[in-house]
Amino acid sequence: MPRWNPDPQERLVTAAVELFRQHGYASVTVTDIAEKAGLARRSFFRHFSDKREVLFAASRTNIPRITRLVEEYAPEVTARDAVMGALAQVGDYLLADPAAQALRQDLIDDSLELQERERTKLADMAAALAAGLVLRGTPPADAHSIGVFSAGIFHAAYVRTLRNGPSGSFADQLHASAAVIARFLTE
């Protein structure tokens, strides 16, 4: 029998994912999630703004962390290496439980509403990367472009890893995705 988890946010995430898997995202309500987690409905809203946000809970800490990670690389480290290093750390963190992430991505792929939220989170990631680059001295317009491309590369590497299984490290997947774009841009 699993141990009871005292963390209400984690209980809500676990309950939501289980219910989404069993009944589909669209069929599950906030009340269903709260009841499954053993909490009152109003407790749900202390932790999440809506049920979509349950699947993106890691963004709360990862987005600000990305800016810090990029900024904290030594000045002699190239912007590319700082960005790729930061994204590799985030990818490794997210992919610590690949089965859970694959389920999460399947839910997103099946819902236009969740796909929209995912695009918003990728835009947040791009902005966080850009902010870190600006703090390192990259001109803002360049930082924005690098952030947008890099967030896309991250997403491609993340989905590639989930769909094809890990083939080397997540950093290897990032570099492989970046190489695809580099080849495309030099055709």
C-alpha atoms as a PDB file:
ATOM      1  CA  MET A   1       0.000   0.000   0.000  1.00  0.00           C
ATOM      2  CA  PRO A   2       1.479   3.388  -0.971  1.00  0.00           C
ATOM      3  CA  ARG A   3       2.334   5.815   1.777  1.00  0.00           C
ATOM      4  CA  TRP A   4       0.090   8.810   2.216  1.00  0.00           C
ATOM      5  CA  ASN A   5       1.688  11.936   0.787  1.00  0.00           C
ATOM      6  CA  PRO A   6       1.249  15.021   2.997  1.00  0.00           C
ATOM      7  CA  ASP A   7       2.118  17.463   0.158  1.00  0.00           C
ATOM      8  CA  PRO A   8      -1.262  18.667  -1.183  1.00  0.00           C
ATOM      9  CA  GLN A   9       0.155  19.971  -4.480  1.00  0.00           C
ATOM     10  CA  GLU A  10       1.831  16.663  -5.230  1.00  0.00           C
ATOM     11  CA  ARG A  11      -1.345  14.787  -4.279  1.00  0.00           C
ATOM     12  CA  LEU A  12      -3.327  16.974  -6.678  1.00  0.00           C
ATOM     13  CA  VAL A  13      -0.879  16.320  -9.518  1.00  0.00           C
ATOM     14  CA  THR A  14      -0.922  12.567  -8.877  1.00  0.00           C
ATOM     15  CA  ALA A  15      -4.727  12.491  -8.699  1.00  0.00           C
ATOM     16  CA  ALA A  16      -5.119  14.601 -11.836  1.00  0.00           C
ATOM     17  CA  VAL A  17      -2.756  12.514 -13.942  1.00  0.00           C
ATOM     18  CA  GLU A  18      -4.437   9.297 -12.827  1.00  0.00           C
ATOM     19  CA  LEU A  19      -7.891  10.689 -13.619  1.00  0.00           C
ATOM     20  CA  PHE A  20      -6.759  12.162 -16.959  1.00  0.00           C
ATOM     21  CA  ARG A  21      -5.297   8.787 -17.924  1.00  0.00           C
ATOM     22  CA  GLN A  22      -8.480   6.917 -16.933  1.00  0.00           C
ATOM     23  CA  HIS A  23     -11.128   9.318 -18.242  1.00  0.00           C
ATOM     24  CA  GLY A  24      -9.402  11.732 -20.611  1.00  0.00           C
ATOM     25  CA  TYR A  25      -8.467  15.305 -19.877  1.00  0.00           C
ATOM     26  CA  ALA A  26     -11.743  16.856 -21.055  1.00  0.00           C
ATOM     27  CA  SER A  27     -13.917  14.608 -18.862  1.00  0.00           C
ATOM     28  CA  VAL A  28     -12.179  15.408 -15.570  1.00  0.00           C
ATOM     29  CA  THR A  29     -13.225  18.370 -13.416  1.00  0.00           C
ATOM     30  CA  VAL A  30     -11.373  20.278 -10.738  1.00  0.00           C
ATOM     31  CA  THR A  31     -13.823  18.796  -8.216  1.00  0.00           C
ATOM     32  CA  ASP A  32     -12.933  15.276  -9.402  1.00  0.00           C
ATOM     33  CA  ILE A  33      -9.229  16.017  -8.921  1.00  0.00           C
ATOM     34  CA  ALA A  34      -9.681  17.530  -5.464  1.00  0.00           C
ATOM     35  CA  GLU A  35     -11.868  14.653  -4.278  1.00  0.00           C
ATOM     36  CA  LYS A  36      -9.422  12.040  -5.590  1.00  0.00           C
ATOM     37  CA  ALA A  37      -6.609  13.848  -3.734  1.00  0.00           C
ATOM     38  CA  GLY A  38      -8.704  13.937  -0.537  1.00  0.00           C
ATOM     39  CA  LEU A  39      -8.928  17.739  -0.533  1.00  0.00           C
ATOM     40  CA  ALA A  40     -11.630  20.362  -0.779  1.00  0.00           C
ATOM     41  CA  ARG A  41     -12.223  21.978  -4.184  1.00  0.00           C
ATOM     42  CA  ARG A  42     -11.035  25.358  -2.883  1.00  0.00           C
ATOM     43  CA  SER A  43      -7.731  23.729  -1.898  1.00  0.00           C
ATOM     44  CA  PHE A  44      -7.124  23.007  -5.574  1.00  0.00           C
ATOM     45  CA  PHE A  45      -7.179  26.732  -6.349  1.00  0.00           C
ATOM     46  CA  ARG A  46      -4.605  27.458  -3.637  1.00  0.00           C
ATOM     47  CA  HIS A  47      -2.138  25.519  -5.776  1.00  0.00           C
ATOM     48  CA  PHE A  48      -3.322  25.840  -9.376  1.00  0.00           C
ATOM     49  CA  SER A  49      -5.208  28.433 -11.386  1.00  0.00           C
ATOM     50  CA  ASP A  50      -6.977  25.754 -13.459  1.00  0.00           C
ATOM     51  CA  LYS A  51      -6.750  22.063 -14.306  1.00  0.00           C
ATOM     52  CA  ARG A  52      -4.402  22.690 -17.237  1.00  0.00           C
ATOM     53  CA  GLU A  53      -1.812  24.077 -14.870  1.00  0.00           C
ATOM     54  CA  VAL A  54      -1.535  20.711 -13.087  1.00  0.00           C
ATOM     55  CA  LEU A  55       0.385  19.295 -16.052  1.00  0.00           C
ATOM     56  CA  PHE A  56       2.736  22.297 -16.118  1.00  0.00           C
ATOM     57  CA  ALA A  57       3.530  22.538 -12.407  1.00  0.00           C
ATOM     58  CA  ALA A  58       7.279  22.092 -13.014  1.00  0.00           C
ATOM     59  CA  SER A  59       7.282  25.331 -15.038  1.00  0.00           C
ATOM     60  CA  ARG A  60       6.837  27.352 -11.858  1.00  0.00           C
ATOM     61  CA  THR A  61      10.347  26.506 -10.755  1.00  0.00           C
ATOM     62  CA  ASN A  62      12.001  25.658 -14.084  1.00  0.00           C
ATOM     63  CA  ILE A  63      11.278  28.935 -15.879  1.00  0.00           C
ATOM     64  CA  PRO A  64      13.018  31.201 -13.311  1.00  0.00           C
ATOM     65  CA  ARG A  65      15.702  28.540 -12.887  1.00  0.00           C
ATOM     66  CA  ILE A  66      16.531  28.708 -16.613  1.00  0.00           C
ATOM     67  CA  THR A  67      17.394  32.396 -16.376  1.00  0.00           C
ATOM     68  CA  ARG A  68      19.665  31.748 -13.376  1.00  0.00           C
ATOM     69  CA  LEU A  69      21.342  28.765 -15.010  1.00  0.00           C
ATOM     70  CA  VAL A  70      22.185  30.713 -18.174  1.00  0.00           C
ATOM     71  CA  GLU A  71      23.385  33.738 -16.241  1.00  0.00           C
ATOM     72  CA  GLU A  72      25.551  31.741 -13.811  1.00  0.00           C
ATOM     73  CA  TYR A  73      27.837  30.225 -16.424  1.00  0.00           C
ATOM     74  CA  ALA A  74      31.317  31.739 -16.339  1.00  0.00           C
ATOM     75  CA  PRO A  75      31.823  34.720 -18.695  1.00  0.00           C
ATOM     76  CA  GLU A  76      34.259  32.754 -20.882  1.00  0.00           C
ATOM     77  CA  VAL A  77      31.562  30.140 -21.614  1.00  0.00           C
ATOM     78  CA  THR A  78      29.888  30.899 -24.931  1.00  0.00           C
ATOM     79  CA  ALA A  79      26.233  31.903 -25.016  1.00  0.00           C
ATOM     80  CA  ARG A  80      25.500  28.707 -26.962  1.00  0.00           C
ATOM     81  CA  ASP A  81      27.157  26.511 -24.348  1.00  0.00           C
ATOM     82  CA  ALA A  82      25.411  28.362 -21.499  1.00  0.00           C
ATOM     83  CA  VAL A  83      21.998  27.931 -23.130  1.00  0.00           C
ATOM     84  CA  MET A  84      22.562  24.297 -24.090  1.00  0.00           C
ATOM     85  CA  GLY A  85      23.950  23.522 -20.634  1.00  0.00           C
ATOM     86  CA  ALA A  86      20.971  25.121 -18.902  1.00  0.00           C
ATOM     87  CA  LEU A  87      18.506  23.293 -21.143  1.00  0.00           C
ATOM     88  CA  ALA A  88      20.307  19.974 -20.626  1.00  0.00           C
ATOM     89  CA  GLN A  89      19.929  20.385 -16.857  1.00  0.00           C
ATOM     90  CA  VAL A  90      16.213  21.140 -17.181  1.00  0.00           C
ATOM     91  CA  GLY A  91      15.709  18.224 -19.572  1.00  0.00           C
ATOM     92  CA  ASP A  92      17.526  15.830 -17.252  1.00  0.00           C
ATOM     93  CA  TYR A  93      15.321  16.986 -14.375  1.00  0.00           C
ATOM     94  CA  LEU A  94      12.081  16.586 -16.344  1.00  0.00           C
ATOM     95  CA  LEU A  95      13.062  13.232 -17.803  1.00  0.00           C
ATOM     96  CA  ALA A  96      13.974  11.671 -14.463  1.00  0.00           C
ATOM     97  CA  ASP A  97      10.610   9.872 -14.775  1.00  0.00           C
ATOM     98  CA  PRO A  98      10.261   9.269 -18.523  1.00  0.00           C
ATOM     99  CA  ALA A  99       7.069   7.190 -18.209  1.00  0.00           C
ATOM    100  CA  ALA A 100       5.286  10.026 -16.388  1.00  0.00           C
ATOM    101  CA  GLN A 101       6.554  12.558 -18.916  1.00  0.00           C
ATOM    102  CA  ALA A 102       5.468  10.365 -21.841  1.00  0.00           C
ATOM    103  CA  LEU A 103       1.971  10.118 -20.354  1.00  0.00           C
ATOM    104  CA  ARG A 104       1.937  13.890 -19.825  1.00  0.00           C
ATOM    105  CA  GLN A 105       2.981  14.480 -23.446  1.00  0.00           C
ATOM    106  CA  ASP A 106       0.316  12.048 -24.715  1.00  0.00           C
ATOM    107  CA  LEU A 107      -2.310  14.037 -22.791  1.00  0.00           C
ATOM    108  CA  ILE A 108      -1.000  17.277 -24.302  1.00  0.00           C
ATOM    109  CA  ASP A 109      -0.934  15.800 -27.814  1.00  0.00           C
ATOM    110  CA  ASP A 110      -4.600  14.792 -27.445  1.00  0.00           C
ATOM    111  CA  SER A 111      -5.868  18.208 -26.318  1.00  0.00           C
ATOM    112  CA  LEU A 112      -5.845  21.486 -28.232  1.00  0.00           C
ATOM    113  CA  GLU A 113      -6.335  23.300 -24.928  1.00  0.00           C
ATOM    114  CA  LEU A 114      -3.207  21.699 -23.472  1.00  0.00           C
ATOM    115  CA  GLN A 115      -1.242  22.292 -26.673  1.00  0.00           C
ATOM    116  CA  GLU A 116      -2.045  25.981 -26.350  1.00  0.00           C
ATOM    117  CA  ARG A 117      -0.792  25.990 -22.753  1.00  0.00           C
ATOM    118  CA  GLU A 118       2.357  24.150 -23.835  1.00  0.00           C
ATOM    119  CA  ARG A 119       3.062  26.851 -26.444  1.00  0.00           C
ATOM    120  CA  THR A 120       2.646  29.487 -23.739  1.00  0.00           C
ATOM    121  CA  LYS A 121       5.122  27.658 -21.499  1.00  0.00           C
ATOM    122  CA  LEU A 122       7.598  27.354 -24.383  1.00  0.00           C
ATOM    123  CA  ALA A 123       7.282  31.110 -24.945  1.00  0.00           C
ATOM    124  CA  ASP A 124       7.983  31.584 -21.227  1.00  0.00           C
ATOM    125  CA  MET A 125      11.054  29.374 -21.616  1.00  0.00           C
ATOM    126  CA  ALA A 126      12.235  31.460 -24.583  1.00  0.00           C
ATOM    127  CA  ALA A 127      11.812  34.646 -22.527  1.00  0.00           C
ATOM    128  CA  ALA A 128      13.716  33.104 -19.596  1.00  0.00           C
ATOM    129  CA  LEU A 129      16.577  32.088 -21.888  1.00  0.00           C
ATOM    130  CA  ALA A 130      16.636  35.585 -23.397  1.00  0.00           C
ATOM    131  CA  ALA A 131      16.679  37.179 -19.954  1.00  0.00           C
ATOM    132  CA  GLY A 132      19.644  35.047 -18.930  1.00  0.00           C
ATOM    133  CA  LEU A 133      21.482  35.945 -22.128  1.00  0.00           C
ATOM    134  CA  VAL A 134      20.843  39.664 -21.653  1.00  0.00           C
ATOM    135  CA  LEU A 135      22.272  39.379 -18.145  1.00  0.00           C
ATOM    136  CA  ARG A 136      25.377  37.862 -19.767  1.00  0.00           C
ATOM    137  CA  GLY A 137      25.650  40.824 -22.142  1.00  0.00           C
ATOM    138  CA  THR A 138      23.888  39.554 -25.265  1.00  0.00           C
ATOM    139  CA  PRO A 139      21.980  42.338 -27.068  1.00  0.00           C
ATOM    140  CA  PRO A 140      18.229  41.972 -26.342  1.00  0.00           C
ATOM    141  CA  ALA A 141      17.142  41.415 -29.961  1.00  0.00           C
ATOM    142  CA  ASP A 142      19.762  38.682 -30.407  1.00  0.00           C
ATOM    143  CA  ALA A 143      18.858  37.172 -27.031  1.00  0.00           C
ATOM    144  CA  HIS A 144      15.189  37.012 -28.064  1.00  0.00           C
ATOM    145  CA  SER A 145      15.992  35.196 -31.319  1.00  0.00           C
ATOM    146  CA  ILE A 146      18.334  32.771 -29.571  1.00  0.00           C
ATOM    147  CA  GLY A 147      15.723  32.139 -26.860  1.00  0.00           C
ATOM    148  CA  VAL A 148      12.968  31.337 -29.355  1.00  0.00           C
ATOM    149  CA  PHE A 149      15.126  28.982 -31.412  1.00  0.00           C
ATOM    150  CA  SER A 150      16.547  27.329 -28.299  1.00  0.00           C
ATOM    151  CA  ALA A 151      13.118  26.703 -26.759  1.00  0.00           C
ATOM    152  CA  GLY A 152      12.101  25.037 -30.022  1.00  0.00           C
ATOM    153  CA  ILE A 153      15.248  22.917 -29.989  1.00  0.00           C
ATOM    154  CA  PHE A 154      14.518  21.934 -26.376  1.00  0.00           C
ATOM    155  CA  HIS A 155      10.976  20.895 -27.254  1.00  0.00           C
ATOM    156  CA  ALA A 156      12.136  18.871 -30.268  1.00  0.00           C
ATOM    157  CA  ALA A 157      14.767  17.085 -28.152  1.00  0.00           C
ATOM    158  CA  TYR A 158      12.280  16.466 -25.345  1.00  0.00           C
ATOM    159  CA  VAL A 159       9.647  14.942 -27.651  1.00  0.00           C
ATOM    160  CA  ARG A 160      12.310  12.977 -29.553  1.00  0.00           C
ATOM    161  CA  THR A 161      13.525  11.488 -26.272  1.00  0.00           C
ATOM    162  CA  LEU A 162       9.995  10.562 -25.184  1.00  0.00           C
ATOM    163  CA  ARG A 163       9.015   9.039 -28.526  1.00  0.00           C
ATOM    164  CA  ASN A 164      12.251   7.242 -29.403  1.00  0.00           C
ATOM    165  CA  GLY A 165      13.585   6.458 -25.945  1.00  0.00           C
ATOM    166  CA  PRO A 166      16.804   7.843 -24.592  1.00  0.00           C
ATOM    167  CA  SER A 167      19.661   7.617 -27.052  1.00  0.00           C
ATOM    168  CA  GLY A 168      22.525   9.020 -25.053  1.00  0.00           C
ATOM    169  CA  SER A 169      22.119  11.945 -22.706  1.00  0.00           C
ATOM    170  CA  PHE A 170      19.530  14.672 -23.028  1.00  0.00           C
ATOM    171  CA  ALA A 171      22.423  16.977 -23.948  1.00  0.00           C
ATOM    172  CA  ASP A 172      23.095  14.646 -26.904  1.00  0.00           C
ATOM    173  CA  GLN A 173      19.436  14.972 -27.932  1.00  0.00           C
ATOM    174  CA  LEU A 174      19.673  18.773 -27.707  1.00  0.00           C
ATOM    175  CA  HIS A 175      22.754  18.820 -29.903  1.00  0.00           C
ATOM    176  CA  ALA A 176      21.127  16.454 -32.412  1.00  0.00           C
ATOM    177  CA  SER A 177      18.059  18.721 -32.622  1.00  0.00           C
ATOM    178  CA  ALA A 178      20.276  21.795 -32.980  1.00  0.00           C
ATOM    179  CA  ALA A 179      22.195  20.043 -35.773  1.00  0.00           C
ATOM    180  CA  VAL A 180      18.941  19.505 -37.690  1.00  0.00           C
ATOM    181  CA  ILE A 181      18.253  23.252 -37.565  1.00  0.00           C
ATOM    182  CA  ALA A 182      21.861  24.088 -38.462  1.00  0.00           C
ATOM    183  CA  ARG A 183      21.664  21.842 -41.534  1.00  0.00           C
ATOM    184  CA  PHE A 184      18.354  23.385 -42.526  1.00  0.00           C
ATOM    185  CA  LEU A 185      19.757  26.919 -42.218  1.00  0.00           C
ATOM    186  CA  THR A 186      22.810  26.099 -44.322  1.00  0.00           C
ATOM    187  CA  GLU A 187      21.030  24.237 -47.151  1.00  0.00           C
END
